[in-house]
Amino acid sequence: MIDMARAHVFISGRVQGVNFRASARTYAREIGVSGWVRNLEDGRVEAVFEGARPAVQRMVSWCYSGPAHARVDAVDVHWEKPTGEEREFSIIW
C-alpha cells in the first residue's frame, strides 16, 4: 500500500512573475503529484500537493528554491489528510 500525503503550502518572497506556477505544474506532473497552485493577492503563492509521500515531500522541498528567478523567503507547510479529490495538477487563475 502506498503511503499517501497532502501538503497545503504558502510560499512568500519574489514568487510571482517568475514562472513559479508553471514550473510547479511541470515538476508536479513529472513526479506524479496532483493538486493545484495559484497566486494570492498578497504576493504569496498557495499550492496543494497530493500523492505518494516521497513525491509530495520532493514538491515541498522544491518550493524552498522554486524556479531560477524566484527568491523564496519562507515556506509555510500544513500537512493534511489526503482527500483523493485531486486528479491532476493545475494552475488556478
PDB file of N, CA and C in Angstrom:
ATOM      1  N   MET A   1       0.844  -1.194   0.000  1.00  0.00           N
ATOM      2  CA  MET A   1       0.000   0.000   0.000  1.00  0.00           C
ATOM      3  C   MET A   1       0.881   1.246   0.000  1.00  0.00           C
ATOM      4  N   ILE A   2       0.528   2.200  -0.838  1.00  0.00           N
ATOM      5  CA  ILE A   2       1.291   3.446  -0.962  1.00  0.00           C
ATOM      6  C   ILE A   2       0.911   4.391   0.171  1.00  0.00           C
ATOM      7  N   ASP A   3       1.925   4.961   0.807  1.00  0.00           N
ATOM      8  CA  ASP A   3       1.704   5.959   1.862  1.00  0.00           C
ATOM      9  C   ASP A   3       1.427   7.294   1.187  1.00  0.00           C
ATOM     10  N   MET A   4       0.191   7.752   1.278  1.00  0.00           N
ATOM     11  CA  MET A   4      -0.223   8.997   0.625  1.00  0.00           C
ATOM     12  C   MET A   4      -0.061  10.180   1.583  1.00  0.00           C
ATOM     13  N   ALA A   5       0.149  11.360   0.987  1.00  0.00           N
ATOM     14  CA  ALA A   5       0.307  12.581   1.773  1.00  0.00           C
ATOM     15  C   ALA A   5      -0.341  13.748   1.039  1.00  0.00           C
ATOM     16  N   ARG A   6      -0.647  14.780   1.808  1.00  0.00           N
ATOM     17  CA  ARG A   6      -1.200  16.025   1.244  1.00  0.00           C
ATOM     18  C   ARG A   6      -0.562  17.182   1.994  1.00  0.00           C
ATOM     19  N   ALA A   7      -0.005  18.118   1.242  1.00  0.00           N
ATOM     20  CA  ALA A   7       0.605  19.305   1.833  1.00  0.00           C
ATOM     21  C   ALA A   7      -0.074  20.549   1.265  1.00  0.00           C
ATOM     22  N   HIS A   8      -0.470  21.458   2.151  1.00  0.00           N
ATOM     23  CA  HIS A   8      -1.033  22.757   1.771  1.00  0.00           C
ATOM     24  C   HIS A   8       0.066  23.770   2.090  1.00  0.00           C
ATOM     25  N   VAL A   9       0.556  24.451   1.067  1.00  0.00           N
ATOM     26  CA  VAL A   9       1.784  25.234   1.180  1.00  0.00           C
ATOM     27  C   VAL A   9       1.542  26.686   0.786  1.00  0.00           C
ATOM     28  N   PHE A  10       2.164  27.594   1.548  1.00  0.00           N
ATOM     29  CA  PHE A  10       2.153  29.021   1.221  1.00  0.00           C
ATOM     30  C   PHE A  10       3.602  29.457   1.084  1.00  0.00           C
ATOM     31  N   ILE A  11       3.952  30.025  -0.080  1.00  0.00           N
ATOM     32  CA  ILE A  11       5.328  30.415  -0.363  1.00  0.00           C
ATOM     33  C   ILE A  11       5.378  31.933  -0.489  1.00  0.00           C
ATOM     34  N   SER A  12       6.302  32.553   0.234  1.00  0.00           N
ATOM     35  CA  SER A  12       6.438  34.010   0.157  1.00  0.00           C
ATOM     36  C   SER A  12       7.838  34.387  -0.296  1.00  0.00           C
ATOM     37  N   GLY A  13       7.950  35.606  -0.801  1.00  0.00           N
ATOM     38  CA  GLY A  13       9.196  36.127  -1.362  1.00  0.00           C
ATOM     39  C   GLY A  13       8.896  36.691  -2.736  1.00  0.00           C
ATOM     40  N   ARG A  14       9.888  36.658  -3.625  1.00  0.00           N
ATOM     41  CA  ARG A  14       9.645  37.063  -5.022  1.00  0.00           C
ATOM     42  C   ARG A  14       9.216  35.797  -5.754  1.00  0.00           C
ATOM     43  N   VAL A  15       7.914  35.495  -5.680  1.00  0.00           N
ATOM     44  CA  VAL A  15       7.404  34.241  -6.219  1.00  0.00           C
ATOM     45  C   VAL A  15       6.301  34.443  -7.258  1.00  0.00           C
ATOM     46  N   GLN A  16       5.963  35.688  -7.542  1.00  0.00           N
ATOM     47  CA  GLN A  16       5.014  35.968  -8.614  1.00  0.00           C
ATOM     48  C   GLN A  16       5.764  36.679  -9.737  1.00  0.00           C
ATOM     49  N   GLY A  17       5.388  36.358 -10.979  1.00  0.00           N
ATOM     50  CA  GLY A  17       6.038  36.957 -12.139  1.00  0.00           C
ATOM     51  C   GLY A  17       7.390  36.333 -12.451  1.00  0.00           C
ATOM     52  N   VAL A  18       7.657  35.153 -11.885  1.00  0.00           N
ATOM     53  CA  VAL A  18       8.946  34.476 -12.107  1.00  0.00           C
ATOM     54  C   VAL A  18       8.732  33.033 -12.594  1.00  0.00           C
ATOM     55  N   ASN A  19       7.536  32.745 -13.118  1.00  0.00           N
ATOM     56  CA  ASN A  19       7.224  31.422 -13.667  1.00  0.00           C
ATOM     57  C   ASN A  19       7.071  30.356 -12.580  1.00  0.00           C
ATOM     58  N   PHE A  20       6.761  30.759 -11.366  1.00  0.00           N
ATOM     59  CA  PHE A  20       6.656  29.809 -10.256  1.00  0.00           C
ATOM     60  C   PHE A  20       5.540  28.793 -10.483  1.00  0.00           C
ATOM     61  N   ARG A  21       4.354  29.278 -10.852  1.00  0.00           N
ATOM     62  CA  ARG A  21       3.213  28.368 -11.012  1.00  0.00           C
ATOM     63  C   ARG A  21       3.437  27.366 -12.134  1.00  0.00           C
ATOM     64  N   ALA A  22       3.894  27.846 -13.287  1.00  0.00           N
ATOM     65  CA  ALA A  22       4.123  26.936 -14.420  1.00  0.00           C
ATOM     66  C   ALA A  22       5.229  25.932 -14.102  1.00  0.00           C
ATOM     67  N   SER A  23       6.268  26.381 -13.420  1.00  0.00           N
ATOM     68  CA  SER A  23       7.359  25.475 -13.049  1.00  0.00           C
ATOM     69  C   SER A  23       6.879  24.433 -12.044  1.00  0.00           C
ATOM     70  N   ALA A  24       6.046  24.845 -11.098  1.00  0.00           N
ATOM     71  CA  ALA A  24       5.498  23.904 -10.119  1.00  0.00           C
ATOM     72  C   ALA A  24       4.637  22.863 -10.827  1.00  0.00           C
ATOM     73  N   ARG A  25       3.815  23.308 -11.769  1.00  0.00           N
ATOM     74  CA  ARG A  25       2.960  22.371 -12.514  1.00  0.00           C
ATOM     75  C   ARG A  25       3.807  21.364 -13.293  1.00  0.00           C
ATOM     76  N   THR A  26       4.831  21.844 -13.972  1.00  0.00           N
ATOM     77  CA  THR A  26       5.703  20.959 -14.750  1.00  0.00           C
ATOM     78  C   THR A  26       6.362  19.917 -13.855  1.00  0.00           C
ATOM     79  N   TYR A  27       6.922  20.362 -12.738  1.00  0.00           N
ATOM     80  CA  TYR A  27       7.619  19.440 -11.837  1.00  0.00           C
ATOM     81  C   TYR A  27       6.647  18.445 -11.207  1.00  0.00           C
ATOM     82  N   ALA A  28       5.491  18.941 -10.762  1.00  0.00           N
ATOM     83  CA  ALA A  28       4.488  18.064 -10.145  1.00  0.00           C
ATOM     84  C   ALA A  28       4.050  16.974 -11.122  1.00  0.00           C
ATOM     85  N   ARG A  29       3.826  17.344 -12.364  1.00  0.00           N
ATOM     86  CA  ARG A  29       3.411  16.356 -13.359  1.00  0.00           C
ATOM     87  C   ARG A  29       4.532  15.353 -13.630  1.00  0.00           C
ATOM     88  N   GLU A  30       5.786  15.819 -13.623  1.00  0.00           N
ATOM     89  CA  GLU A  30       6.925  14.921 -13.849  1.00  0.00           C
ATOM     90  C   GLU A  30       7.028  13.855 -12.770  1.00  0.00           C
ATOM     91  N   ILE A  31       6.753  14.232 -11.516  1.00  0.00           N
ATOM     92  CA  ILE A  31       6.951  13.280 -10.418  1.00  0.00           C
ATOM     93  C   ILE A  31       5.647  12.644  -9.932  1.00  0.00           C
ATOM     94  N   GLY A  32       4.536  12.938 -10.615  1.00  0.00           N
ATOM     95  CA  GLY A  32       3.282  12.264 -10.318  1.00  0.00           C
ATOM     96  C   GLY A  32       2.508  12.790  -9.132  1.00  0.00           C
ATOM     97  N   VAL A  33       2.616  14.093  -8.893  1.00  0.00           N
ATOM     98  CA  VAL A  33       1.868  14.724  -7.799  1.00  0.00           C
ATOM     99  C   VAL A  33       0.662  15.448  -8.386  1.00  0.00           C
ATOM    100  N   SER A  34      -0.487  15.316  -7.739  1.00  0.00           N
ATOM    101  CA  SER A  34      -1.667  16.051  -8.172  1.00  0.00           C
ATOM    102  C   SER A  34      -1.900  17.229  -7.236  1.00  0.00           C
ATOM    103  N   GLY A  35      -2.814  18.113  -7.636  1.00  0.00           N
ATOM    104  CA  GLY A  35      -3.123  19.276  -6.816  1.00  0.00           C
ATOM    105  C   GLY A  35      -3.278  20.521  -7.658  1.00  0.00           C
ATOM    106  N   TRP A  36      -2.930  21.657  -7.066  1.00  0.00           N
ATOM    107  CA  TRP A  36      -3.087  22.937  -7.758  1.00  0.00           C
ATOM    108  C   TRP A  36      -2.148  23.983  -7.171  1.00  0.00           C
ATOM    109  N   VAL A  37      -2.000  25.088  -7.915  1.00  0.00           N
ATOM    110  CA  VAL A  37      -1.175  26.216  -7.473  1.00  0.00           C
ATOM    111  C   VAL A  37      -1.847  27.503  -7.949  1.00  0.00           C
ATOM    112  N   ARG A  38      -1.735  28.555  -7.146  1.00  0.00           N
ATOM    113  CA  ARG A  38      -2.313  29.846  -7.542  1.00  0.00           C
ATOM    114  C   ARG A  38      -1.568  30.989  -6.867  1.00  0.00           C
ATOM    115  N   ASN A  39      -1.668  32.179  -7.485  1.00  0.00           N
ATOM    116  CA  ASN A  39      -1.149  33.396  -6.886  1.00  0.00           C
ATOM    117  C   ASN A  39      -2.185  33.945  -5.911  1.00  0.00           C
ATOM    118  N   LEU A  40      -1.715  34.530  -4.829  1.00  0.00           N
ATOM    119  CA  LEU A  40      -2.593  35.213  -3.890  1.00  0.00           C
ATOM    120  C   LEU A  40      -2.413  36.719  -4.033  1.00  0.00           C
ATOM    121  N   GLU A  41      -3.427  37.469  -3.671  1.00  0.00           N
ATOM    122  CA  GLU A  41      -3.382  38.929  -3.798  1.00  0.00           C
ATOM    123  C   GLU A  41      -2.288  39.556  -2.946  1.00  0.00           C
ATOM    124  N   ASP A  42      -1.863  38.887  -1.877  1.00  0.00           N
ATOM    125  CA  ASP A  42      -0.832  39.457  -1.002  1.00  0.00           C
ATOM    126  C   ASP A  42       0.597  39.173  -1.490  1.00  0.00           C
ATOM    127  N   GLY A  43       0.729  38.593  -2.685  1.00  0.00           N
ATOM    128  CA  GLY A  43       2.051  38.358  -3.265  1.00  0.00           C
ATOM    129  C   GLY A  43       2.609  36.963  -3.046  1.00  0.00           C
ATOM    130  N   ARG A  44       1.934  36.172  -2.226  1.00  0.00           N
ATOM    131  CA  ARG A  44       2.386  34.792  -1.999  1.00  0.00           C
ATOM    132  C   ARG A  44       1.836  33.865  -3.075  1.00  0.00           C
ATOM    133  N   VAL A  45       2.369  32.653  -3.102  1.00  0.00           N
ATOM    134  CA  VAL A  45       1.824  31.578  -3.919  1.00  0.00           C
ATOM    135  C   VAL A  45       1.289  30.519  -2.964  1.00  0.00           C
ATOM    136  N   GLU A  46       0.119  29.992  -3.279  1.00  0.00           N
ATOM    137  CA  GLU A  46      -0.501  28.925  -2.488  1.00  0.00           C
ATOM    138  C   GLU A  46      -0.572  27.680  -3.352  1.00  0.00           C
ATOM    139  N   ALA A  47      -0.304  26.526  -2.761  1.00  0.00           N
ATOM    140  CA  ALA A  47      -0.370  25.275  -3.520  1.00  0.00           C
ATOM    141  C   ALA A  47      -0.828  24.141  -2.629  1.00  0.00           C
ATOM    142  N   VAL A  48      -1.430  23.148  -3.249  1.00  0.00           N
ATOM    143  CA  VAL A  48      -1.778  21.893  -2.598  1.00  0.00           C
ATOM    144  C   VAL A  48      -1.134  20.782  -3.409  1.00  0.00           C
ATOM    145  N   PHE A  49      -0.400  19.918  -2.726  1.00  0.00           N
ATOM    146  CA  PHE A  49       0.255  18.779  -3.355  1.00  0.00           C
ATOM    147  C   PHE A  49      -0.287  17.512  -2.722  1.00  0.00           C
ATOM    148  N   GLU A  50      -0.690  16.547  -3.544  1.00  0.00           N
ATOM    149  CA  GLU A  50      -1.180  15.279  -3.013  1.00  0.00           C
ATOM    150  C   GLU A  50      -0.659  14.133  -3.862  1.00  0.00           C
ATOM    151  N   GLY A  51      -0.263  13.069  -3.190  1.00  0.00           N
ATOM    152  CA  GLY A  51       0.234  11.890  -3.888  1.00  0.00           C
ATOM    153  C   GLY A  51       1.032  11.021  -2.942  1.00  0.00           C
ATOM    154  N   ALA A  52       1.898  10.201  -3.509  1.00  0.00           N
ATOM    155  CA  ALA A  52       2.757   9.354  -2.690  1.00  0.00           C
ATOM    156  C   ALA A  52       3.644  10.249  -1.821  1.00  0.00           C
ATOM    157  N   ARG A  53       3.793   9.890  -0.560  1.00  0.00           N
ATOM    158  CA  ARG A  53       4.519  10.736   0.393  1.00  0.00           C
ATOM    159  C   ARG A  53       5.898  11.184  -0.118  1.00  0.00           C
ATOM    160  N   PRO A  54       6.744  10.298  -0.677  1.00  0.00           N
ATOM    161  CA  PRO A  54       8.061  10.764  -1.133  1.00  0.00           C
ATOM    162  C   PRO A  54       7.971  11.844  -2.217  1.00  0.00           C
ATOM    163  N   ALA A  55       6.997  11.713  -3.121  1.00  0.00           N
ATOM    164  CA  ALA A  55       6.833  12.701  -4.182  1.00  0.00           C
ATOM    165  C   ALA A  55       6.333  14.036  -3.622  1.00  0.00           C
ATOM    166  N   VAL A  56       5.394  13.980  -2.692  1.00  0.00           N
ATOM    167  CA  VAL A  56       4.888  15.214  -2.073  1.00  0.00           C
ATOM    168  C   VAL A  56       6.018  15.902  -1.303  1.00  0.00           C
ATOM    169  N   GLN A  57       6.833  15.139  -0.609  1.00  0.00           N
ATOM    170  CA  GLN A  57       7.973  15.723   0.104  1.00  0.00           C
ATOM    171  C   GLN A  57       8.951  16.374  -0.876  1.00  0.00           C
ATOM    172  N   ARG A  58       9.146  15.782  -2.055  1.00  0.00           N
ATOM    173  CA  ARG A  58      10.010  16.390  -3.075  1.00  0.00           C
ATOM    174  C   ARG A  58       9.431  17.717  -3.554  1.00  0.00           C
ATOM    175  N   MET A  59       8.107  17.778  -3.741  1.00  0.00           N
ATOM    176  CA  MET A  59       7.473  19.030  -4.166  1.00  0.00           C
ATOM    177  C   MET A  59       7.648  20.106  -3.108  1.00  0.00           C
ATOM    178  N   VAL A  60       7.433  19.747  -1.843  1.00  0.00           N
ATOM    179  CA  VAL A  60       7.602  20.722  -0.764  1.00  0.00           C
ATOM    180  C   VAL A  60       9.045  21.208  -0.733  1.00  0.00           C
ATOM    181  N   SER A  61       9.996  20.314  -0.863  1.00  0.00           N
ATOM    182  CA  SER A  61      11.413  20.706  -0.886  1.00  0.00           C
ATOM    183  C   SER A  61      11.703  21.644  -2.048  1.00  0.00           C
ATOM    184  N   TRP A  62      11.118  21.371  -3.201  1.00  0.00           N
ATOM    185  CA  TRP A  62      11.313  22.215  -4.381  1.00  0.00           C
ATOM    186  C   TRP A  62      10.851  23.650  -4.100  1.00  0.00           C
ATOM    187  N   CYS A  63       9.790  23.804  -3.309  1.00  0.00           N
ATOM    188  CA  CYS A  63       9.237  25.134  -3.022  1.00  0.00           C
ATOM    189  C   CYS A  63      10.235  26.047  -2.318  1.00  0.00           C
ATOM    190  N   TYR A  64      11.203  25.480  -1.620  1.00  0.00           N
ATOM    191  CA  TYR A  64      12.179  26.297  -0.908  1.00  0.00           C
ATOM    192  C   TYR A  64      13.142  27.026  -1.849  1.00  0.00           C
ATOM    193  N   SER A  65      13.216  26.573  -3.106  1.00  0.00           N
ATOM    194  CA  SER A  65      14.056  27.277  -4.084  1.00  0.00           C
ATOM    195  C   SER A  65      13.223  27.782  -5.247  1.00  0.00           C
ATOM    196  N   GLY A  66      12.283  26.977  -5.735  1.00  0.00           N
ATOM    197  CA  GLY A  66      11.439  27.368  -6.852  1.00  0.00           C
ATOM    198  C   GLY A  66      12.232  27.473  -8.139  1.00  0.00           C
ATOM    199  N   PRO A  67      11.665  28.161  -9.151  1.00  0.00           N
ATOM    200  CA  PRO A  67      12.359  28.317 -10.429  1.00  0.00           C
ATOM    201  C   PRO A  67      13.528  29.294 -10.317  1.00  0.00           C
ATOM    202  N   ALA A  68      14.296  29.381 -11.381  1.00  0.00           N
ATOM    203  CA  ALA A  68      15.560  30.136 -11.386  1.00  0.00           C
ATOM    204  C   ALA A  68      15.457  31.577 -10.886  1.00  0.00           C
ATOM    205  N   HIS A  69      14.419  32.312 -11.261  1.00  0.00           N
ATOM    206  CA  HIS A  69      14.357  33.738 -10.937  1.00  0.00           C
ATOM    207  C   HIS A  69      13.589  34.042  -9.648  1.00  0.00           C
ATOM    208  N   ALA A  70      13.131  33.003  -8.971  1.00  0.00           N
ATOM    209  CA  ALA A  70      12.396  33.214  -7.720  1.00  0.00           C
ATOM    210  C   ALA A  70      13.370  33.480  -6.569  1.00  0.00           C
ATOM    211  N   ARG A  71      12.869  34.185  -5.559  1.00  0.00           N
ATOM    212  CA  ARG A  71      13.592  34.340  -4.300  1.00  0.00           C
ATOM    213  C   ARG A  71      12.602  33.963  -3.202  1.00  0.00           C
ATOM    214  N   VAL A  72      12.769  32.794  -2.657  1.00  0.00           N
ATOM    215  CA  VAL A  72      11.843  32.301  -1.640  1.00  0.00           C
ATOM    216  C   VAL A  72      12.330  32.744  -0.263  1.00  0.00           C
ATOM    217  N   ASP A  73      11.466  33.466   0.448  1.00  0.00           N
ATOM    218  CA  ASP A  73      11.791  33.926   1.803  1.00  0.00           C
ATOM    219  C   ASP A  73      11.264  32.968   2.868  1.00  0.00           C
ATOM    220  N   ALA A  74      10.105  32.361   2.609  1.00  0.00           N
ATOM    221  CA  ALA A  74       9.505  31.465   3.602  1.00  0.00           C
ATOM    222  C   ALA A  74       8.561  30.487   2.922  1.00  0.00           C
ATOM    223  N   VAL A  75       8.488  29.299   3.498  1.00  0.00           N
ATOM    224  CA  VAL A  75       7.532  28.280   3.060  1.00  0.00           C
ATOM    225  C   VAL A  75       6.789  27.802   4.298  1.00  0.00           C
ATOM    226  N   ASP A  76       5.489  27.978   4.286  1.00  0.00           N
ATOM    227  CA  ASP A  76       4.634  27.565   5.399  1.00  0.00           C
ATOM    228  C   ASP A  76       3.879  26.314   4.959  1.00  0.00           C
ATOM    229  N   VAL A  77       4.183  25.181   5.575  1.00  0.00           N
ATOM    230  CA  VAL A  77       3.616  23.898   5.166  1.00  0.00           C
ATOM    231  C   VAL A  77       2.624  23.390   6.206  1.00  0.00           C
ATOM    232  N   HIS A  78       1.446  23.022   5.749  1.00  0.00           N
ATOM    233  CA  HIS A  78       0.420  22.414   6.600  1.00  0.00           C
ATOM    234  C   HIS A  78       0.151  21.020   6.051  1.00  0.00           C
ATOM    235  N   TRP A  79       0.475  19.997   6.829  1.00  0.00           N
ATOM    236  CA  TRP A  79       0.215  18.617   6.409  1.00  0.00           C
ATOM    237  C   TRP A  79      -1.223  18.281   6.733  1.00  0.00           C
ATOM    238  N   GLU A  80      -1.940  17.772   5.734  1.00  0.00           N
ATOM    239  CA  GLU A  80      -3.357  17.466   5.882  1.00  0.00           C
ATOM    240  C   GLU A  80      -3.618  16.010   5.512  1.00  0.00           C
ATOM    241  N   LYS A  81      -4.791  15.554   5.832  1.00  0.00           N
ATOM    242  CA  LYS A  81      -5.193  14.199   5.451  1.00  0.00           C
ATOM    243  C   LYS A  81      -5.499  14.189   3.950  1.00  0.00           C
ATOM    244  N   PRO A  82      -4.920  13.241   3.198  1.00  0.00           N
ATOM    245  CA  PRO A  82      -5.211  13.167   1.757  1.00  0.00           C
ATOM    246  C   PRO A  82      -6.706  12.985   1.505  1.00  0.00           C
ATOM    247  N   THR A  83      -7.208  13.660   0.472  1.00  0.00           N
ATOM    248  CA  THR A  83      -8.629  13.587   0.152  1.00  0.00           C
ATOM    249  C   THR A  83      -8.905  12.680  -1.041  1.00  0.00           C
ATOM    250  N   GLY A  84      -7.933  12.508  -1.925  1.00  0.00           N
ATOM    251  CA  GLY A  84      -8.145  11.732  -3.133  1.00  0.00           C
ATOM    252  C   GLY A  84      -8.956  12.460  -4.183  1.00  0.00           C
ATOM    253  N   GLU A  85      -9.270  13.738  -3.941  1.00  0.00           N
ATOM    254  CA  GLU A  85     -10.090  14.510  -4.870  1.00  0.00           C
ATOM    255  C   GLU A  85      -9.296  15.052  -6.051  1.00  0.00           C
ATOM    256  N   GLU A  86      -8.004  15.246  -5.870  1.00  0.00           N
ATOM    257  CA  GLU A  86      -7.176  15.822  -6.930  1.00  0.00           C
ATOM    258  C   GLU A  86      -6.828  14.732  -7.938  1.00  0.00           C
ATOM    259  N   ARG A  87      -7.058  15.000  -9.218  1.00  0.00           N
ATOM    260  CA  ARG A  87      -6.788  14.013 -10.263  1.00  0.00           C
ATOM    261  C   ARG A  87      -5.588  14.393 -11.130  1.00  0.00           C
ATOM    262  N   GLU A  88      -5.248  15.660 -11.173  1.00  0.00           N
ATOM    263  CA  GLU A  88      -4.137  16.162 -11.975  1.00  0.00           C
ATOM    264  C   GLU A  88      -3.553  17.359 -11.255  1.00  0.00           C
ATOM    265  N   PHE A  89      -2.569  18.000 -11.852  1.00  0.00           N
ATOM    266  CA  PHE A  89      -2.021  19.214 -11.241  1.00  0.00           C
ATOM    267  C   PHE A  89      -2.347  20.373 -12.159  1.00  0.00           C
ATOM    268  N   SER A  90      -2.949  21.413 -11.615  1.00  0.00           N
ATOM    269  CA  SER A  90      -3.388  22.536 -12.439  1.00  0.00           C
ATOM    270  C   SER A  90      -3.057  23.877 -11.802  1.00  0.00           C
ATOM    271  N   ILE A  91      -3.041  24.888 -12.645  1.00  0.00           N
ATOM    272  CA  ILE A  91      -2.889  26.267 -12.204  1.00  0.00           C
ATOM    273  C   ILE A  91      -4.285  26.847 -12.069  1.00  0.00           C
ATOM    274  N   ILE A  92      -4.574  27.429 -10.924  1.00  0.00           N
ATOM    275  CA  ILE A  92      -5.845  28.117 -10.719  1.00  0.00           C
ATOM    276  C   ILE A  92      -5.604  29.597 -11.020  1.00  0.00           C
ATOM    277  N   TRP A  93      -6.398  30.133 -11.915  1.00  0.00           N
ATOM    278  CA  TRP A  93      -6.230  31.544 -12.320  1.00  0.00           C
ATOM    279  C   TRP A  93      -7.139  32.437 -11.534  1.00  0.00           C
TER     280      TRP A  93
END
